[in-house]
């Protein structure tokens, strides 16, 4: 059964009626194709109208949708011959960060992603996508491995933030590894991009965002709790944070927005995965023509330029 968000209730009612009619038709042999067609058209129209005017808070809900494709789905759909690599060679392994070697459209790459899990068991196993220091040390190790062997790095970011502990140094080192990498780094925000936990894997040459994903220094709830001492103000905070893909593209903090299937990536995971693959390939192609010195220089200029126009 599909999970519907609060603002999708009118759509849920229409699709529920369609399901009821289809079951009735199967049981009684009644021809109700015309009625189902009308309701389907109405539901599609309602879905299109709803998703054409989502608020920042509603986009936050879509980005957190439990059925939204996770990092492991993108790896499975886009990376062939994937060989997972574990551990930070210092303390242990962190299941919140997945990574390894594989091929993207025939080219050898290093892949990293923050994995939330899809049900209670896997969410607990992956610590809900909140990485600990060993997770960021693993990311750094794999990025440095990519540099030694001349392999592009592809990352999939989906985390509400890092595990609340002593992880700042490990995050900083992971960001440093991204910025210093002598190979192309393509980062894609596929769900939530929360705080340093996200940027640790997203300081890339090209930062892509899915249409209904979010990327922010703090969650709307956290911002509301700090500013108003009331988490119920999260919708107001979401608007103020400018965390949507459209906002961030306009502010030149990301490089491209990847269109999602109508109703969000969770309604057609295969199409969403394919769209991300096409966007990554398009972003990667020109970067493969640059040498290590040029890559680092362009990456440096990219991040130094962020916010410069606003200051001026």
C-alpha atoms as a PDB file:
ATOM      1  CA  UNK A   1       0.000   0.000   0.000  1.00  0.00           C
ATOM      2  CA  UNK A   2       1.362   3.396  -1.006  1.00  0.00           C
ATOM      3  CA  UNK A   3       2.236   5.867   1.752  1.00  0.00           C
ATOM      4  CA  UNK A   4       0.573   9.247   1.241  1.00  0.00           C
ATOM      5  CA  UNK A   5       1.765  12.495   2.795  1.00  0.00           C
ATOM      6  CA  UNK A   6      -0.649  14.841   4.584  1.00  0.00           C
ATOM      7  CA  UNK A   7      -0.966  17.247   1.654  1.00  0.00           C
ATOM      8  CA  UNK A   8      -1.679  14.309  -0.698  1.00  0.00           C
ATOM      9  CA  UNK A   9      -5.004  13.354   0.947  1.00  0.00           C
ATOM     10  CA  UNK A  10      -7.182  14.457  -2.029  1.00  0.00           C
ATOM     11  CA  UNK A  11      -4.986  12.321  -4.302  1.00  0.00           C
ATOM     12  CA  UNK A  12      -5.173   9.400  -1.872  1.00  0.00           C
ATOM     13  CA  UNK A  13      -8.988   9.549  -1.859  1.00  0.00           C
ATOM     14  CA  UNK A  14      -9.178   9.502  -5.660  1.00  0.00           C
ATOM     15  CA  UNK A  15      -6.681   6.665  -6.030  1.00  0.00           C
ATOM     16  CA  UNK A  16      -8.513   4.772  -3.275  1.00  0.00           C
ATOM     17  CA  UNK A  17     -11.766   5.029  -5.233  1.00  0.00           C
ATOM     18  CA  UNK A  18      -9.999   3.811  -8.371  1.00  0.00           C
ATOM     19  CA  UNK A  19      -8.663   0.765  -6.510  1.00  0.00           C
ATOM     20  CA  UNK A  20     -12.123   0.012  -5.109  1.00  0.00           C
ATOM     21  CA  UNK A  21     -13.709   0.188  -8.558  1.00  0.00           C
ATOM     22  CA  UNK A  22     -11.073  -2.092 -10.051  1.00  0.00           C
ATOM     23  CA  UNK A  23     -11.583  -4.676  -7.300  1.00  0.00           C
ATOM     24  CA  UNK A  24     -15.343  -4.474  -7.835  1.00  0.00           C
ATOM     25  CA  UNK A  25     -14.871  -4.976 -11.556  1.00  0.00           C
ATOM     26  CA  UNK A  26     -12.673  -8.034 -11.003  1.00  0.00           C
ATOM     27  CA  UNK A  27     -15.137  -9.567  -8.555  1.00  0.00           C
ATOM     28  CA  UNK A  28     -18.400  -8.901 -10.417  1.00  0.00           C
ATOM     29  CA  UNK A  29     -17.213  -8.693 -14.028  1.00  0.00           C
ATOM     30  CA  UNK A  30     -18.691  -5.190 -14.404  1.00  0.00           C
ATOM     31  CA  UNK A  31     -17.242  -2.977 -17.125  1.00  0.00           C
ATOM     32  CA  UNK A  32     -16.320   0.277 -15.401  1.00  0.00           C
ATOM     33  CA  UNK A  33     -13.435   1.284 -17.662  1.00  0.00           C
ATOM     34  CA  UNK A  34     -15.023   4.646 -18.475  1.00  0.00           C
ATOM     35  CA  UNK A  35     -15.536   5.566 -14.822  1.00  0.00           C
ATOM     36  CA  UNK A  36     -12.015   4.436 -13.901  1.00  0.00           C
ATOM     37  CA  UNK A  37     -10.623   6.461 -16.798  1.00  0.00           C
ATOM     38  CA  UNK A  38     -12.372   9.626 -15.605  1.00  0.00           C
ATOM     39  CA  UNK A  39     -11.164   9.170 -12.043  1.00  0.00           C
ATOM     40  CA  UNK A  40      -7.628   8.393 -13.209  1.00  0.00           C
ATOM     41  CA  UNK A  41      -7.575  11.558 -15.291  1.00  0.00           C
ATOM     42  CA  UNK A  42      -8.861  13.538 -12.315  1.00  0.00           C
ATOM     43  CA  UNK A  43      -6.240  12.003  -9.991  1.00  0.00           C
ATOM     44  CA  UNK A  44      -3.426  12.768 -12.454  1.00  0.00           C
ATOM     45  CA  UNK A  45      -4.640  16.348 -12.775  1.00  0.00           C
ATOM     46  CA  UNK A  46      -4.799  16.716  -8.986  1.00  0.00           C
ATOM     47  CA  UNK A  47      -1.307  15.234  -8.642  1.00  0.00           C
ATOM     48  CA  UNK A  48       0.081  17.624 -11.241  1.00  0.00           C
ATOM     49  CA  UNK A  49      -1.545  20.660  -9.621  1.00  0.00           C
ATOM     50  CA  UNK A  50      -0.368  19.654  -6.149  1.00  0.00           C
ATOM     51  CA  UNK A  51       3.258  19.082  -7.126  1.00  0.00           C
ATOM     52  CA  UNK A  52       3.411  22.243  -9.220  1.00  0.00           C
ATOM     53  CA  UNK A  53       3.100  24.430  -6.110  1.00  0.00           C
ATOM     54  CA  UNK A  54       4.796  22.576  -3.261  1.00  0.00           C
ATOM     55  CA  UNK A  55       5.990  24.678  -0.347  1.00  0.00           C
ATOM     56  CA  UNK A  56       9.475  24.256   1.091  1.00  0.00           C
ATOM     57  CA  UNK A  57       8.016  22.251   3.992  1.00  0.00           C
ATOM     58  CA  UNK A  58       6.095  19.975   1.640  1.00  0.00           C
ATOM     59  CA  UNK A  59       9.286  19.380  -0.365  1.00  0.00           C
ATOM     60  CA  UNK A  60      10.981  18.470   2.903  1.00  0.00           C
ATOM     61  CA  UNK A  61       8.297  15.852   3.472  1.00  0.00           C
ATOM     62  CA  UNK A  62       8.777  14.467  -0.040  1.00  0.00           C
ATOM     63  CA  UNK A  63      12.563  14.356   0.450  1.00  0.00           C
ATOM     64  CA  UNK A  64      11.943  12.227   3.571  1.00  0.00           C
ATOM     65  CA  UNK A  65       9.303   9.991   2.005  1.00  0.00           C
ATOM     66  CA  UNK A  66       9.808   6.434   3.330  1.00  0.00           C
ATOM     67  CA  UNK A  67       9.430   4.951  -0.170  1.00  0.00           C
ATOM     68  CA  UNK A  68      11.882   7.337  -1.809  1.00  0.00           C
ATOM     69  CA  UNK A  69      14.802   5.513  -3.515  1.00  0.00           C
ATOM     70  CA  UNK A  70      17.853   5.330  -1.274  1.00  0.00           C
ATOM     71  CA  UNK A  71      21.566   5.325  -2.079  1.00  0.00           C
ATOM     72  CA  UNK A  72      21.630   1.542  -2.451  1.00  0.00           C
ATOM     73  CA  UNK A  73      18.937   1.739  -5.147  1.00  0.00           C
ATOM     74  CA  UNK A  74      21.010   4.201  -7.186  1.00  0.00           C
ATOM     75  CA  UNK A  75      24.110   2.058  -6.789  1.00  0.00           C
ATOM     76  CA  UNK A  76      22.189  -1.053  -7.854  1.00  0.00           C
ATOM     77  CA  UNK A  77      20.594   0.720 -10.813  1.00  0.00           C
ATOM     78  CA  UNK A  78      23.606   2.647 -12.123  1.00  0.00           C
ATOM     79  CA  UNK A  79      26.758   0.830 -11.050  1.00  0.00           C
ATOM     80  CA  UNK A  80      27.740  -2.517 -12.553  1.00  0.00           C
ATOM     81  CA  UNK A  81      30.330  -4.888 -11.095  1.00  0.00           C
ATOM     82  CA  UNK A  82      29.995  -3.115  -7.760  1.00  0.00           C
ATOM     83  CA  UNK A  83      32.447  -4.331  -5.119  1.00  0.00           C
ATOM     84  CA  UNK A  84      31.777  -2.888  -1.652  1.00  0.00           C
ATOM     85  CA  UNK A  85      34.746  -1.762   0.441  1.00  0.00           C
ATOM     86  CA  UNK A  86      34.418  -1.489   4.215  1.00  0.00           C
ATOM     87  CA  UNK A  87      36.249  -0.007   7.156  1.00  0.00           C
ATOM     88  CA  UNK A  88      38.332   3.069   7.892  1.00  0.00           C
ATOM     89  CA  UNK A  89      41.566   1.143   8.658  1.00  0.00           C
ATOM     90  CA  UNK A  90      41.618   2.792  12.089  1.00  0.00           C
ATOM     91  CA  UNK A  91      38.580   1.805  14.150  1.00  0.00           C
ATOM     92  CA  UNK A  92      35.865  -0.050  12.268  1.00  0.00           C
ATOM     93  CA  UNK A  93      33.154   0.105   9.629  1.00  0.00           C
ATOM     94  CA  UNK A  94      30.142   2.427   9.556  1.00  0.00           C
ATOM     95  CA  UNK A  95      27.065   1.091   7.739  1.00  0.00           C
ATOM     96  CA  UNK A  96      25.664   4.632   7.370  1.00  0.00           C
ATOM     97  CA  UNK A  97      28.254   5.220   4.638  1.00  0.00           C
ATOM     98  CA  UNK A  98      28.360   2.690   1.817  1.00  0.00           C
ATOM     99  CA  UNK A  99      31.132   2.682  -0.743  1.00  0.00           C
ATOM    100  CA  UNK A 100      33.165   0.678  -3.162  1.00  0.00           C
ATOM    101  CA  UNK A 101      34.406   0.192  -6.702  1.00  0.00           C
ATOM    102  CA  UNK A 102      32.317  -0.350  -9.806  1.00  0.00           C
ATOM    103  CA  UNK A 103      31.606   0.750 -13.348  1.00  0.00           C
ATOM    104  CA  UNK A 104      29.387   3.627 -14.377  1.00  0.00           C
ATOM    105  CA  UNK A 105      28.402   3.291 -18.031  1.00  0.00           C
ATOM    106  CA  UNK A 106      31.567   1.327 -18.721  1.00  0.00           C
ATOM    107  CA  UNK A 107      33.970   3.577 -16.786  1.00  0.00           C
ATOM    108  CA  UNK A 108      35.597   2.457 -13.540  1.00  0.00           C
ATOM    109  CA  UNK A 109      34.584   4.678 -10.616  1.00  0.00           C
ATOM    110  CA  UNK A 110      34.600   4.916  -6.841  1.00  0.00           C
ATOM    111  CA  UNK A 111      31.108   5.196  -5.353  1.00  0.00           C
ATOM    112  CA  UNK A 112      30.062   6.583  -1.961  1.00  0.00           C
ATOM    113  CA  UNK A 113      26.653   7.150  -0.426  1.00  0.00           C
ATOM    114  CA  UNK A 114      24.875   7.801   2.837  1.00  0.00           C
ATOM    115  CA  UNK A 115      22.325   5.028   3.296  1.00  0.00           C
ATOM    116  CA  UNK A 116      19.224   5.478   5.491  1.00  0.00           C
ATOM    117  CA  UNK A 117      17.663   2.045   5.081  1.00  0.00           C
ATOM    118  CA  UNK A 118      14.142   1.166   3.945  1.00  0.00           C
ATOM    119  CA  UNK A 119      12.492  -0.505   6.939  1.00  0.00           C
ATOM    120  CA  UNK A 120      12.941  -0.603  10.697  1.00  0.00           C
ATOM    121  CA  UNK A 121      15.619  -3.308  10.609  1.00  0.00           C
ATOM    122  CA  UNK A 122      17.749  -1.711   7.892  1.00  0.00           C
ATOM    123  CA  UNK A 123      17.280   1.807   9.265  1.00  0.00           C
ATOM    124  CA  UNK A 124      18.661   0.709  12.605  1.00  0.00           C
ATOM    125  CA  UNK A 125      21.480  -1.176  10.867  1.00  0.00           C
ATOM    126  CA  UNK A 126      22.441   1.946   8.881  1.00  0.00           C
ATOM    127  CA  UNK A 127      21.890   4.254  11.874  1.00  0.00           C
ATOM    128  CA  UNK A 128      19.238   6.140   9.861  1.00  0.00           C
ATOM    129  CA  UNK A 129      21.956   7.471   7.541  1.00  0.00           C
ATOM    130  CA  UNK A 130      23.708   9.388  10.345  1.00  0.00           C
ATOM    131  CA  UNK A 131      27.405   8.625   9.964  1.00  0.00           C
ATOM    132  CA  UNK A 132      29.919   8.406  12.777  1.00  0.00           C
ATOM    133  CA  UNK A 133      33.585   9.469  12.488  1.00  0.00           C
ATOM    134  CA  UNK A 134      34.592   6.080  11.091  1.00  0.00           C
ATOM    135  CA  UNK A 135      32.109   6.600   8.253  1.00  0.00           C
ATOM    136  CA  UNK A 136      33.775   9.844   7.189  1.00  0.00           C
ATOM    137  CA  UNK A 137      37.216   8.273   7.579  1.00  0.00           C
ATOM    138  CA  UNK A 138      36.043   5.497   5.253  1.00  0.00           C
ATOM    139  CA  UNK A 139      34.841   8.115   2.753  1.00  0.00           C
ATOM    140  CA  UNK A 140      38.201   9.871   2.915  1.00  0.00           C
ATOM    141  CA  UNK A 141      40.033   6.577   2.407  1.00  0.00           C
ATOM    142  CA  UNK A 142      38.023   5.727  -0.699  1.00  0.00           C
ATOM    143  CA  UNK A 143      38.375   9.230  -2.173  1.00  0.00           C
ATOM    144  CA  UNK A 144      42.146   9.029  -1.711  1.00  0.00           C
ATOM    145  CA  UNK A 145      42.066   5.551  -3.283  1.00  0.00           C
ATOM    146  CA  UNK A 146      40.230   7.035  -6.275  1.00  0.00           C
ATOM    147  CA  UNK A 147      42.928   9.681  -6.599  1.00  0.00           C
ATOM    148  CA  UNK A 148      45.725   7.119  -6.616  1.00  0.00           C
ATOM    149  CA  UNK A 149      44.113   5.087  -9.380  1.00  0.00           C
ATOM    150  CA  UNK A 150      42.649   7.966 -11.383  1.00  0.00           C
ATOM    151  CA  UNK A 151      39.019   6.999 -10.865  1.00  0.00           C
ATOM    152  CA  UNK A 152      36.146   9.532 -10.806  1.00  0.00           C
ATOM    153  CA  UNK A 153      34.164   9.701  -7.565  1.00  0.00           C
ATOM    154  CA  UNK A 154      30.356   9.535  -7.553  1.00  0.00           C
ATOM    155  CA  UNK A 155      28.499  10.252  -4.303  1.00  0.00           C
ATOM    156  CA  UNK A 156      24.838   9.926  -3.327  1.00  0.00           C
ATOM    157  CA  UNK A 157      23.840  12.065  -0.348  1.00  0.00           C
ATOM    158  CA  UNK A 158      20.801  11.344   1.811  1.00  0.00           C
ATOM    159  CA  UNK A 159      21.252  12.169   5.491  1.00  0.00           C
ATOM    160  CA  UNK A 160      19.523  14.343   8.056  1.00  0.00           C
ATOM    161  CA  UNK A 161      23.001  15.030   9.447  1.00  0.00           C
ATOM    162  CA  UNK A 162      25.946  13.381  11.113  1.00  0.00           C
ATOM    163  CA  UNK A 163      25.547  11.307  14.260  1.00  0.00           C
ATOM    164  CA  UNK A 164      25.565  13.824  17.157  1.00  0.00           C
ATOM    165  CA  UNK A 165      28.968  13.077  18.595  1.00  0.00           C
ATOM    166  CA  UNK A 166      32.622  13.995  18.193  1.00  0.00           C
ATOM    167  CA  UNK A 167      32.745  13.863  14.390  1.00  0.00           C
ATOM    168  CA  UNK A 168      33.727  17.410  13.323  1.00  0.00           C
ATOM    169  CA  UNK A 169      37.367  16.577  12.620  1.00  0.00           C
ATOM    170  CA  UNK A 170      36.439  13.511  10.575  1.00  0.00           C
ATOM    171  CA  UNK A 171      33.908  15.560   8.562  1.00  0.00           C
ATOM    172  CA  UNK A 172      36.516  18.262   7.917  1.00  0.00           C
ATOM    173  CA  UNK A 173      38.988  15.643   6.683  1.00  0.00           C
ATOM    174  CA  UNK A 174      36.376  14.157   4.351  1.00  0.00           C
ATOM    175  CA  UNK A 175      35.589  17.606   2.929  1.00  0.00           C
ATOM    176  CA  UNK A 176      39.324  18.195   2.511  1.00  0.00           C
ATOM    177  CA  UNK A 177      39.645  14.906   0.618  1.00  0.00           C
ATOM    178  CA  UNK A 178      36.849  15.955  -1.765  1.00  0.00           C
ATOM    179  CA  UNK A 179      38.418  19.370  -2.364  1.00  0.00           C
ATOM    180  CA  UNK A 180      41.917  17.959  -2.887  1.00  0.00           C
ATOM    181  CA  UNK A 181      40.914  15.003  -5.072  1.00  0.00           C
ATOM    182  CA  UNK A 182      42.905  14.922  -8.351  1.00  0.00           C
ATOM    183  CA  UNK A 183      39.919  13.275 -10.060  1.00  0.00           C
ATOM    184  CA  UNK A 184      36.372  14.466 -10.875  1.00  0.00           C
ATOM    185  CA  UNK A 185      33.913  14.379  -7.966  1.00  0.00           C
ATOM    186  CA  UNK A 186      30.182  14.334  -8.816  1.00  0.00           C
ATOM    187  CA  UNK A 187      27.810  14.651  -5.836  1.00  0.00           C
ATOM    188  CA  UNK A 188      24.048  14.132  -6.022  1.00  0.00           C
ATOM    189  CA  UNK A 189      21.608  15.069  -3.261  1.00  0.00           C
ATOM    190  CA  UNK A 190      18.967  12.346  -3.611  1.00  0.00           C
ATOM    191  CA  UNK A 191      16.927  13.051  -0.464  1.00  0.00           C
ATOM    192  CA  UNK A 192      18.034  15.067   2.533  1.00  0.00           C
ATOM    193  CA  UNK A 193      21.308  16.982   2.522  1.00  0.00           C
ATOM    194  CA  UNK A 194      21.736  17.809   6.172  1.00  0.00           C
ATOM    195  CA  UNK A 195      24.544  19.982   7.531  1.00  0.00           C
ATOM    196  CA  UNK A 196      28.188  18.867   7.579  1.00  0.00           C
ATOM    197  CA  UNK A 197      27.066  15.259   7.362  1.00  0.00           C
ATOM    198  CA  UNK A 198      26.022  16.002   3.793  1.00  0.00           C
ATOM    199  CA  UNK A 199      28.784  18.340   2.655  1.00  0.00           C
ATOM    200  CA  UNK A 200      31.372  15.771   3.762  1.00  0.00           C
ATOM    201  CA  UNK A 201      30.400  13.857   0.599  1.00  0.00           C
ATOM    202  CA  UNK A 202      29.186  16.802  -1.467  1.00  0.00           C
ATOM    203  CA  UNK A 203      32.159  19.128  -1.907  1.00  0.00           C
ATOM    204  CA  UNK A 204      32.434  18.186  -5.554  1.00  0.00           C
ATOM    205  CA  UNK A 205      33.156  19.637  -8.984  1.00  0.00           C
ATOM    206  CA  UNK A 206      29.455  19.268  -9.774  1.00  0.00           C
ATOM    207  CA  UNK A 207      26.727  19.196  -7.140  1.00  0.00           C
ATOM    208  CA  UNK A 208      23.397  17.947  -8.467  1.00  0.00           C
ATOM    209  CA  UNK A 209      20.068  17.949  -6.634  1.00  0.00           C
ATOM    210  CA  UNK A 210      16.930  16.022  -7.303  1.00  0.00           C
ATOM    211  CA  UNK A 211      13.899  18.247  -7.783  1.00  0.00           C
ATOM    212  CA  UNK A 212      12.253  17.410  -4.458  1.00  0.00           C
ATOM    213  CA  UNK A 213      15.366  16.968  -2.337  1.00  0.00           C
ATOM    214  CA  UNK A 214      16.574  19.474   0.276  1.00  0.00           C
ATOM    215  CA  UNK A 215      20.022  20.751   1.282  1.00  0.00           C
ATOM    216  CA  UNK A 216      20.577  22.899   4.347  1.00  0.00           C
ATOM    217  CA  UNK A 217      22.884  23.727   7.236  1.00  0.00           C
ATOM    218  CA  UNK A 218      20.211  22.574   9.694  1.00  0.00           C
ATOM    219  CA  UNK A 219      16.860  20.795   9.599  1.00  0.00           C
ATOM    220  CA  UNK A 220      13.692  22.946   9.670  1.00  0.00           C
ATOM    221  CA  UNK A 221      12.784  21.421  13.047  1.00  0.00           C
ATOM    222  CA  UNK A 222      16.218  22.194  14.479  1.00  0.00           C
ATOM    223  CA  UNK A 223      16.101  25.760  13.186  1.00  0.00           C
ATOM    224  CA  UNK A 224      12.616  26.280  14.622  1.00  0.00           C
ATOM    225  CA  UNK A 225      13.668  24.888  17.992  1.00  0.00           C
ATOM    226  CA  UNK A 226      16.610  27.317  18.161  1.00  0.00           C
ATOM    227  CA  UNK A 227      14.862  30.452  16.890  1.00  0.00           C
ATOM    228  CA  UNK A 228      11.339  30.017  18.290  1.00  0.00           C
ATOM    229  CA  UNK A 229      11.790  27.258  20.887  1.00  0.00           C
ATOM    230  CA  UNK A 230       8.980  25.541  19.026  1.00  0.00           C
ATOM    231  CA  UNK A 231       9.467  22.725  16.503  1.00  0.00           C
ATOM    232  CA  UNK A 232       5.935  23.406  15.234  1.00  0.00           C
ATOM    233  CA  UNK A 233       7.402  26.430  13.432  1.00  0.00           C
ATOM    234  CA  UNK A 234       9.296  24.080  11.102  1.00  0.00           C
ATOM    235  CA  UNK A 235       7.247  25.088   8.011  1.00  0.00           C
ATOM    236  CA  UNK A 236       8.223  28.741   8.589  1.00  0.00           C
ATOM    237  CA  UNK A 237      11.853  27.756   9.094  1.00  0.00           C
ATOM    238  CA  UNK A 238      11.830  25.676   5.897  1.00  0.00           C
ATOM    239  CA  UNK A 239      10.838  28.731   3.861  1.00  0.00           C
ATOM    240  CA  UNK A 240      13.484  30.894   5.534  1.00  0.00           C
ATOM    241  CA  UNK A 241      16.289  28.369   5.070  1.00  0.00           C
ATOM    242  CA  UNK A 242      16.004  28.381   1.251  1.00  0.00           C
ATOM    243  CA  UNK A 243      16.654  24.648   1.212  1.00  0.00           C
ATOM    244  CA  UNK A 244      14.919  23.603  -2.013  1.00  0.00           C
ATOM    245  CA  UNK A 245      16.733  22.714  -5.221  1.00  0.00           C
ATOM    246  CA  UNK A 246      15.234  25.738  -6.988  1.00  0.00           C
ATOM    247  CA  UNK A 247      16.420  28.111  -4.263  1.00  0.00           C
ATOM    248  CA  UNK A 248      19.917  26.677  -4.184  1.00  0.00           C
ATOM    249  CA  UNK A 249      20.265  26.718  -7.968  1.00  0.00           C
ATOM    250  CA  UNK A 250      19.209  30.369  -8.010  1.00  0.00           C
ATOM    251  CA  UNK A 251      21.785  31.128  -5.293  1.00  0.00           C
ATOM    252  CA  UNK A 252      24.432  29.249  -7.338  1.00  0.00           C
ATOM    253  CA  UNK A 253      25.159  26.830  -4.504  1.00  0.00           C
ATOM    254  CA  UNK A 254      24.428  23.792  -6.672  1.00  0.00           C
ATOM    255  CA  UNK A 255      25.016  23.179 -10.359  1.00  0.00           C
ATOM    256  CA  UNK A 256      21.900  21.431 -11.664  1.00  0.00           C
ATOM    257  CA  UNK A 257      18.407  20.302 -10.702  1.00  0.00           C
ATOM    258  CA  UNK A 258      17.334  16.813 -11.798  1.00  0.00           C
ATOM    259  CA  UNK A 259      13.630  16.567 -12.674  1.00  0.00           C
ATOM    260  CA  UNK A 260      11.722  13.842 -10.841  1.00  0.00           C
ATOM    261  CA  UNK A 261       8.793  11.735 -12.070  1.00  0.00           C
ATOM    262  CA  UNK A 262       5.403  13.336 -11.452  1.00  0.00           C
ATOM    263  CA  UNK A 263       4.571  12.917  -7.780  1.00  0.00           C
ATOM    264  CA  UNK A 264       8.171  12.404  -6.679  1.00  0.00           C
ATOM    265  CA  UNK A 265      10.908   9.813  -7.133  1.00  0.00           C
ATOM    266  CA  UNK A 266       9.024   7.296  -4.975  1.00  0.00           C
ATOM    267  CA  UNK A 267       6.265   6.979  -7.597  1.00  0.00           C
ATOM    268  CA  UNK A 268       8.664   5.764 -10.299  1.00  0.00           C
ATOM    269  CA  UNK A 269      12.010   4.748  -8.822  1.00  0.00           C
ATOM    270  CA  UNK A 270      13.354   3.350 -12.101  1.00  0.00           C
ATOM    271  CA  UNK A 271      12.742   6.641 -13.939  1.00  0.00           C
ATOM    272  CA  UNK A 272      14.303   8.608 -11.077  1.00  0.00           C
ATOM    273  CA  UNK A 273      17.428   6.434 -11.097  1.00  0.00           C
ATOM    274  CA  UNK A 274      17.736   6.770 -14.876  1.00  0.00           C
ATOM    275  CA  UNK A 275      17.402  10.567 -14.679  1.00  0.00           C
ATOM    276  CA  UNK A 276      20.164  10.745 -12.080  1.00  0.00           C
ATOM    277  CA  UNK A 277      22.396   8.563 -14.248  1.00  0.00           C
ATOM    278  CA  UNK A 278      21.906  10.830 -17.265  1.00  0.00           C
ATOM    279  CA  UNK A 279      22.608  13.963 -15.206  1.00  0.00           C
ATOM    280  CA  UNK A 280      25.777  12.463 -13.707  1.00  0.00           C
ATOM    281  CA  UNK A 281      27.046  11.388 -17.124  1.00  0.00           C
ATOM    282  CA  UNK A 282      26.432  14.875 -18.514  1.00  0.00           C
ATOM    283  CA  UNK A 283      28.253  16.508 -15.587  1.00  0.00           C
ATOM    284  CA  UNK A 284      31.156  14.066 -15.695  1.00  0.00           C
ATOM    285  CA  UNK A 285      31.960  14.285 -19.420  1.00  0.00           C
ATOM    286  CA  UNK A 286      33.649  17.739 -19.480  1.00  0.00           C
ATOM    287  CA  UNK A 287      35.494  17.082 -16.208  1.00  0.00           C
ATOM    288  CA  UNK A 288      37.220  14.027 -17.672  1.00  0.00           C
ATOM    289  CA  UNK A 289      39.020  16.346 -20.104  1.00  0.00           C
ATOM    290  CA  UNK A 290      40.747  18.283 -17.297  1.00  0.00           C
ATOM    291  CA  UNK A 291      44.023  17.388 -15.597  1.00  0.00           C
ATOM    292  CA  UNK A 292      44.430  17.226 -11.810  1.00  0.00           C
ATOM    293  CA  UNK A 293      45.766  20.783 -11.477  1.00  0.00           C
ATOM    294  CA  UNK A 294      42.891  22.266 -13.479  1.00  0.00           C
ATOM    295  CA  UNK A 295      40.311  20.247 -11.561  1.00  0.00           C
ATOM    296  CA  UNK A 296      41.581  21.443  -8.195  1.00  0.00           C
ATOM    297  CA  UNK A 297      41.800  25.045  -9.378  1.00  0.00           C
ATOM    298  CA  UNK A 298      38.255  25.099 -10.782  1.00  0.00           C
ATOM    299  CA  UNK A 299      36.930  23.390  -7.655  1.00  0.00           C
ATOM    300  CA  UNK A 300      38.670  25.952  -5.447  1.00  0.00           C
ATOM    301  CA  UNK A 301      37.270  28.859  -7.456  1.00  0.00           C
ATOM    302  CA  UNK A 302      33.787  27.316  -7.394  1.00  0.00           C
ATOM    303  CA  UNK A 303      33.595  27.197  -3.617  1.00  0.00           C
ATOM    304  CA  UNK A 304      35.364  30.521  -3.034  1.00  0.00           C
ATOM    305  CA  UNK A 305      32.825  32.211  -5.321  1.00  0.00           C
ATOM    306  CA  UNK A 306      29.854  30.991  -3.280  1.00  0.00           C
ATOM    307  CA  UNK A 307      28.129  33.922  -1.604  1.00  0.00           C
ATOM    308  CA  UNK A 308      30.512  36.473  -3.148  1.00  0.00           C
ATOM    309  CA  UNK A 309      27.755  38.172  -5.173  1.00  0.00           C
ATOM    310  CA  UNK A 310      25.529  38.392  -2.098  1.00  0.00           C
ATOM    311  CA  UNK A 311      28.344  40.086  -0.141  1.00  0.00           C
ATOM    312  CA  UNK A 312      29.063  42.515  -2.950  1.00  0.00           C
END
